[in-house]
């Protein structure tokens, strides 16, 4: 299938990319790994007048701790993120990245591209929400940070303005004794997830949970923080009955949608199963 016609420009710097966006007057789209944008163009779901290629922009592919926080550049590839040695609950990013598509997709796809595409079934937005990440947006007017829950507005809809681009993801420092778990279910390996669950948990020295953020994806229009499920484990140790209670709470509080692949009731059951498995993984890691 042929792509629609558009003007193409390759930017070498962030400033050059922002100037190209400004010149296009809101009619441009950014291209990095192309794993999300190219299929959308091929199916004529989007017809931008300009494509600004930022795949070669320097300085956007770093993974580093800045002022105690973890900062990841927008052009960090999924494959690199999957192999990254991240501390504590930050490891949720690597776990989530390992579930994205197939190896060629992970090799080309980027963190910023996944966040900007905002597919309800995407893995990295789930991890970003669980870790209380902020999306760093830049325009010619300056830079701003948007919390993940305010950045993701709906299916394929974000808070990015036409003259902005994602430059980084910033995540608060990982607490001591923090752990992560990620599980998903798809019909076939590499397919879009029908449901995913990402958890970030902080434990006290005695093993009791002091903080828990449990997020499910692929269930509603955006990834959803399951506050009731998190409350079910706080102050308790991650034993089988506590984990089961959190899984029930997650299933009870979500509002799953049905589609041609799965009905709402099955999605709800999957939420319970995957939250239980992700918390069980955390328990195993904490006990190791």
Protein backbone atom coordinates (compact mmCIF):
# COMPACT_ATOMS: atom_id res chain seq x y z
CA UNK A 1 0.00 0.00 0.00
CA UNK A 2 1.42 3.40 -1.03
CA UNK A 3 1.80 6.24 1.41
CA UNK A 4 -0.07 9.51 0.76
CA UNK A 5 1.99 12.38 -0.71
CA UNK A 6 3.83 14.69 1.69
CA UNK A 7 6.84 17.00 1.88
CA UNK A 8 9.79 15.38 3.64
CA UNK A 9 12.61 16.98 5.65
CA UNK A 10 15.28 15.47 7.89
CA UNK A 11 16.28 17.41 11.00
CA UNK A 12 19.75 17.17 12.50
CA UNK A 13 18.97 19.00 15.77
CA UNK A 14 16.00 19.52 18.05
CA UNK A 15 15.90 23.23 17.18
CA UNK A 16 15.82 22.42 13.47
CA UNK A 17 12.97 19.94 14.00
CA UNK A 18 10.99 22.52 15.99
CA UNK A 19 11.50 25.14 13.29
CA UNK A 20 10.24 22.70 10.65
CA UNK A 21 7.17 22.01 12.78
CA UNK A 22 6.54 25.73 13.12
CA UNK A 23 6.86 26.30 9.40
CA UNK A 24 4.35 23.52 8.66
CA UNK A 25 1.72 25.30 10.73
CA UNK A 26 0.37 22.26 12.52
CA UNK A 27 0.27 20.04 9.42
CA UNK A 28 3.48 18.09 10.13
CA UNK A 29 4.14 14.77 11.85
CA UNK A 30 7.41 13.60 13.36
CA UNK A 31 9.03 10.39 12.13
CA UNK A 32 11.54 8.46 14.24
CA UNK A 33 11.50 4.66 14.15
CA UNK A 34 8.38 4.67 11.99
CA UNK A 35 6.82 1.62 13.64
CA UNK A 36 3.64 3.53 14.52
CA UNK A 37 3.48 6.33 11.98
CA UNK A 38 4.16 4.42 8.76
CA UNK A 39 1.26 1.94 9.17
CA UNK A 40 -1.07 4.83 10.01
CA UNK A 41 0.00 6.63 6.84
CA UNK A 42 -0.31 3.47 4.76
CA UNK A 43 -3.92 3.00 5.81
CA UNK A 44 -4.67 6.68 5.16
CA UNK A 45 -5.70 7.19 8.77
CA UNK A 46 -3.62 10.34 8.73
CA UNK A 47 -2.64 12.64 5.85
CA UNK A 48 -0.06 15.19 7.06
CA UNK A 49 1.31 17.68 4.56
CA UNK A 50 4.84 17.38 5.98
CA UNK A 51 6.95 14.65 7.59
CA UNK A 52 9.85 15.75 9.77
CA UNK A 53 12.36 12.94 10.22
CA UNK A 54 14.07 13.16 13.64
CA UNK A 55 15.68 9.73 13.58
CA UNK A 56 19.17 11.25 13.29
CA UNK A 57 18.74 14.05 15.83
CA UNK A 58 21.62 13.91 18.29
CA UNK A 59 21.26 13.97 22.06
CA UNK A 60 17.88 12.23 22.34
CA UNK A 61 19.03 8.65 22.86
CA UNK A 62 20.50 8.83 26.35
CA UNK A 63 19.62 6.89 29.50
CA UNK A 64 21.00 8.63 32.57
CA UNK A 65 20.30 9.67 36.13
CA UNK A 66 19.90 13.43 36.45
CA UNK A 67 19.52 15.01 39.90
CA UNK A 68 18.48 11.66 41.33
CA UNK A 69 15.85 11.06 38.65
CA UNK A 70 15.99 8.74 35.67
CA UNK A 71 15.88 10.52 32.31
CA UNK A 72 15.40 8.66 29.04
CA UNK A 73 15.67 10.36 25.68
CA UNK A 74 12.80 10.17 23.22
CA UNK A 75 14.92 8.23 20.70
CA UNK A 76 15.84 5.39 23.05
CA UNK A 77 15.01 2.21 21.11
CA UNK A 78 12.82 -0.45 22.66
CA UNK A 79 15.56 -3.05 22.23
CA UNK A 80 18.04 -0.93 24.16
CA UNK A 81 15.51 -0.25 26.88
CA UNK A 82 14.79 -3.97 27.14
CA UNK A 83 18.48 -4.64 27.87
CA UNK A 84 19.02 -1.65 30.16
CA UNK A 85 20.18 -2.34 33.70
CA UNK A 86 17.72 -0.22 35.64
CA UNK A 87 17.51 -0.11 39.40
CA UNK A 88 14.54 -1.08 41.53
CA UNK A 89 11.09 -0.29 40.19
CA UNK A 90 12.66 1.42 37.17
CA UNK A 91 13.14 -2.10 35.84
CA UNK A 92 9.46 -1.98 34.88
CA UNK A 93 10.49 -0.10 31.74
CA UNK A 94 12.78 -2.92 30.64
CA UNK A 95 10.14 -5.56 31.43
CA UNK A 96 7.52 -3.68 29.42
CA UNK A 97 9.86 -3.04 26.47
CA UNK A 98 10.56 -6.76 26.20
CA UNK A 99 6.90 -7.40 25.38
CA UNK A 100 6.70 -4.97 22.46
CA UNK A 101 6.03 -6.65 19.12
CA UNK A 102 8.86 -8.60 17.51
CA UNK A 103 12.62 -8.01 17.44
CA UNK A 104 12.60 -5.84 14.27
CA UNK A 105 9.95 -3.58 15.83
CA UNK A 106 11.89 -3.29 19.08
CA UNK A 107 15.06 -2.53 17.13
CA UNK A 108 13.51 0.39 15.27
CA UNK A 109 10.76 1.64 17.58
CA UNK A 110 11.40 4.45 20.05
CA UNK A 111 10.19 5.42 23.49
CA UNK A 112 8.98 8.81 22.30
CA UNK A 113 7.15 7.26 19.37
CA UNK A 114 5.27 4.86 21.61
CA UNK A 115 4.22 7.63 23.98
CA UNK A 116 3.18 9.97 21.18
CA UNK A 117 1.15 7.26 19.41
CA UNK A 118 -0.81 6.57 22.63
CA UNK A 119 -2.17 3.20 21.58
CA UNK A 120 -4.36 1.94 24.46
CA UNK A 121 -2.65 -1.47 24.14
CA UNK A 122 0.92 -0.10 24.24
CA UNK A 123 3.23 -1.33 26.98
CA UNK A 124 5.45 1.69 27.72
CA UNK A 125 2.61 4.08 28.66
CA UNK A 126 1.58 1.51 31.28
CA UNK A 127 5.08 1.53 32.76
CA UNK A 128 5.30 5.33 32.58
CA UNK A 129 2.05 5.74 34.50
CA UNK A 130 3.03 3.20 37.14
CA UNK A 131 6.34 5.01 37.68
CA UNK A 132 4.76 8.49 37.84
CA UNK A 133 6.81 9.60 34.87
CA UNK A 134 6.60 13.04 33.29
CA UNK A 135 6.76 13.53 29.55
CA UNK A 136 9.12 16.36 28.60
CA UNK A 137 7.81 18.44 25.69
CA UNK A 138 9.73 21.14 23.88
CA UNK A 139 8.68 23.85 21.45
CA UNK A 140 10.28 27.04 20.18
CA UNK A 141 8.69 28.77 23.19
CA UNK A 142 10.40 26.54 25.73
CA UNK A 143 10.07 23.27 27.62
CA UNK A 144 7.34 21.83 29.82
CA UNK A 145 6.69 18.60 31.70
CA UNK A 146 3.35 16.79 31.68
CA UNK A 147 2.48 13.96 34.06
CA UNK A 148 1.66 10.75 32.22
CA UNK A 149 -1.95 10.70 33.40
CA UNK A 150 -2.46 14.19 31.95
CA UNK A 151 -0.47 13.47 28.83
CA UNK A 152 -2.54 10.47 27.70
CA UNK A 153 -5.97 11.88 26.88
CA UNK A 154 -7.59 9.00 24.99
CA UNK A 155 -7.01 6.47 22.23
CA UNK A 156 -4.23 7.87 20.02
CA UNK A 157 -4.72 11.28 21.65
CA UNK A 158 -2.19 13.17 23.78
CA UNK A 159 -1.51 16.61 25.20
CA UNK A 160 1.17 17.38 22.58
CA UNK A 161 0.60 20.67 20.78
CA UNK A 162 1.26 20.77 17.01
CA UNK A 163 4.47 22.77 17.54
CA UNK A 164 5.88 20.47 20.24
CA UNK A 165 7.92 17.30 20.29
CA UNK A 166 8.73 14.78 23.01
CA UNK A 167 12.38 15.05 24.03
CA UNK A 168 12.52 12.88 27.15
CA UNK A 169 10.76 10.94 29.86
CA UNK A 170 11.65 11.82 33.47
CA UNK A 171 10.98 9.44 36.32
CA UNK A 172 11.36 10.01 40.07
CA UNK A 173 14.21 8.18 41.78
CA UNK A 174 13.58 4.53 42.54
CA UNK A 175 13.07 4.01 46.27
CA UNK A 176 15.17 1.46 48.17
CA UNK A 177 13.49 -1.96 48.19
CA UNK A 178 11.34 -1.08 45.20
CA UNK A 179 10.36 -3.77 42.72
CA UNK A 180 8.51 -4.14 39.44
CA UNK A 181 6.37 -6.70 37.64
CA UNK A 182 4.85 -6.73 34.18
CA UNK A 183 2.56 -9.26 32.52
CA UNK A 184 0.44 -9.20 29.38
CA UNK A 185 -1.79 -11.50 27.35
CA UNK A 186 -2.05 -11.51 23.56
CA UNK A 187 -3.56 -13.99 21.13
CA UNK A 188 -0.16 -14.65 19.55
CA UNK A 189 3.38 -13.74 20.50
CA UNK A 190 4.12 -10.27 19.20
CA UNK A 191 0.47 -9.29 18.75
CA UNK A 192 -1.04 -6.28 20.49
CA UNK A 193 -1.85 -7.04 24.10
CA UNK A 194 -5.48 -7.66 24.95
CA UNK A 195 -4.62 -6.74 28.54
CA UNK A 196 -1.38 -5.82 30.30
CA UNK A 197 -0.55 -5.13 33.93
CA UNK A 198 2.40 -3.20 35.30
CA UNK A 199 3.14 -2.84 39.00
CA UNK A 200 5.67 -0.79 40.96
CA UNK A 201 5.92 -1.67 44.65
CA UNK A 202 7.97 -0.35 47.57
CA UNK A 203 8.46 -2.58 50.60
CA UNK A 204 9.57 -1.97 54.16
CA UNK A 205 12.43 -3.94 55.71
CA UNK A 206 9.95 -6.44 57.16
CA UNK A 207 8.42 -7.06 53.72
CA UNK A 208 5.25 -5.06 54.22
CA UNK A 209 4.23 -2.92 51.25
CA UNK A 210 4.52 0.81 51.89
CA UNK A 211 3.50 1.92 48.39
CA UNK A 212 2.01 0.26 45.33
CA UNK A 213 1.00 1.53 41.92
CA UNK A 214 -0.87 -0.99 39.80
CA UNK A 215 -1.71 -0.04 36.21
CA UNK A 216 -3.58 -1.97 33.53
CA UNK A 217 -3.47 -1.32 29.80
CA UNK A 218 -5.53 -2.45 26.83
CA UNK A 219 -8.67 -2.44 28.97
CA UNK A 220 -10.05 1.08 28.64
CA UNK A 221 -9.31 4.06 26.40
CA UNK A 222 -6.08 4.80 28.30
CA UNK A 223 -3.89 2.96 30.79
CA UNK A 224 -5.61 3.05 34.17
CA UNK A 225 -4.14 3.35 37.66
CA UNK A 226 -6.01 0.84 39.83
CA UNK A 227 -6.00 2.69 43.15
CA UNK A 228 -8.24 0.17 44.92
CA UNK A 229 -5.87 -2.64 43.98
CA UNK A 230 -2.89 -0.71 45.29
CA UNK A 231 -4.70 0.05 48.54
CA UNK A 232 -5.41 -3.66 48.97
CA UNK A 233 -1.70 -4.44 49.43
CA UNK A 234 -0.41 -1.37 51.27
CA UNK A 235 0.50 -2.16 54.87
CA UNK A 236 0.52 -5.89 54.18
CA UNK A 237 3.01 -8.47 53.03
CA UNK A 238 2.64 -9.85 49.52
CA UNK A 239 1.21 -13.19 50.47
CA UNK A 240 -1.22 -15.20 48.37
CA UNK A 241 -4.37 -13.85 50.02
CA UNK A 242 -3.21 -10.23 49.77
CA UNK A 243 -2.27 -10.64 46.12
CA UNK A 244 -5.63 -12.29 45.40
CA UNK A 245 -7.46 -9.40 47.07
CA UNK A 246 -5.59 -6.87 44.92
CA UNK A 247 -6.41 -8.87 41.77
CA UNK A 248 -10.11 -8.91 42.69
CA UNK A 249 -10.07 -5.18 43.40
CA UNK A 250 -8.48 -4.43 40.02
CA UNK A 251 -11.03 -6.52 38.17
CA UNK A 252 -13.93 -4.98 40.06
CA UNK A 253 -12.90 -1.36 39.49
CA UNK A 254 -12.04 -1.45 35.79
CA UNK A 255 -14.49 -0.79 32.96
CA UNK A 256 -13.28 -3.09 30.16
CA UNK A 257 -14.32 -2.53 26.57
CA UNK A 258 -15.21 -5.31 24.15
CA UNK A 259 -13.83 -5.68 20.63
CA UNK A 260 -13.68 -8.34 17.92
CA UNK A 261 -10.92 -10.20 19.77
CA UNK A 262 -12.33 -10.42 23.29
CA UNK A 263 -15.49 -9.58 25.22
CA UNK A 264 -15.62 -7.34 28.29
CA UNK A 265 -16.08 -10.18 30.78
CA UNK A 266 -12.99 -11.99 29.51
CA UNK A 267 -10.97 -8.79 29.68
CA UNK A 268 -12.02 -8.37 33.30
CA UNK A 269 -10.89 -11.92 34.07
CA UNK A 270 -7.58 -11.21 32.37
CA UNK A 271 -7.09 -8.11 34.52
CA UNK A 272 -7.42 -10.22 37.66
CA UNK A 273 -5.08 -12.93 36.34
CA UNK A 274 -2.37 -10.56 35.12
CA UNK A 275 -2.38 -8.34 38.21
CA UNK A 276 -2.04 -11.49 40.30
CA UNK A 277 0.88 -12.73 38.18
CA UNK A 278 2.67 -9.38 38.19
CA UNK A 279 2.40 -9.06 41.99
CA UNK A 280 3.54 -12.68 42.37
CA UNK A 281 6.63 -11.79 40.34
CA UNK A 282 7.29 -8.85 42.65
CA UNK A 283 6.94 -11.10 45.69
CA UNK A 284 9.43 -13.55 44.22
CA UNK A 285 11.92 -10.77 43.43
CA UNK A 286 11.60 -9.22 46.88
CA UNK A 287 12.13 -12.59 48.55
CA UNK A 288 15.18 -13.48 46.47
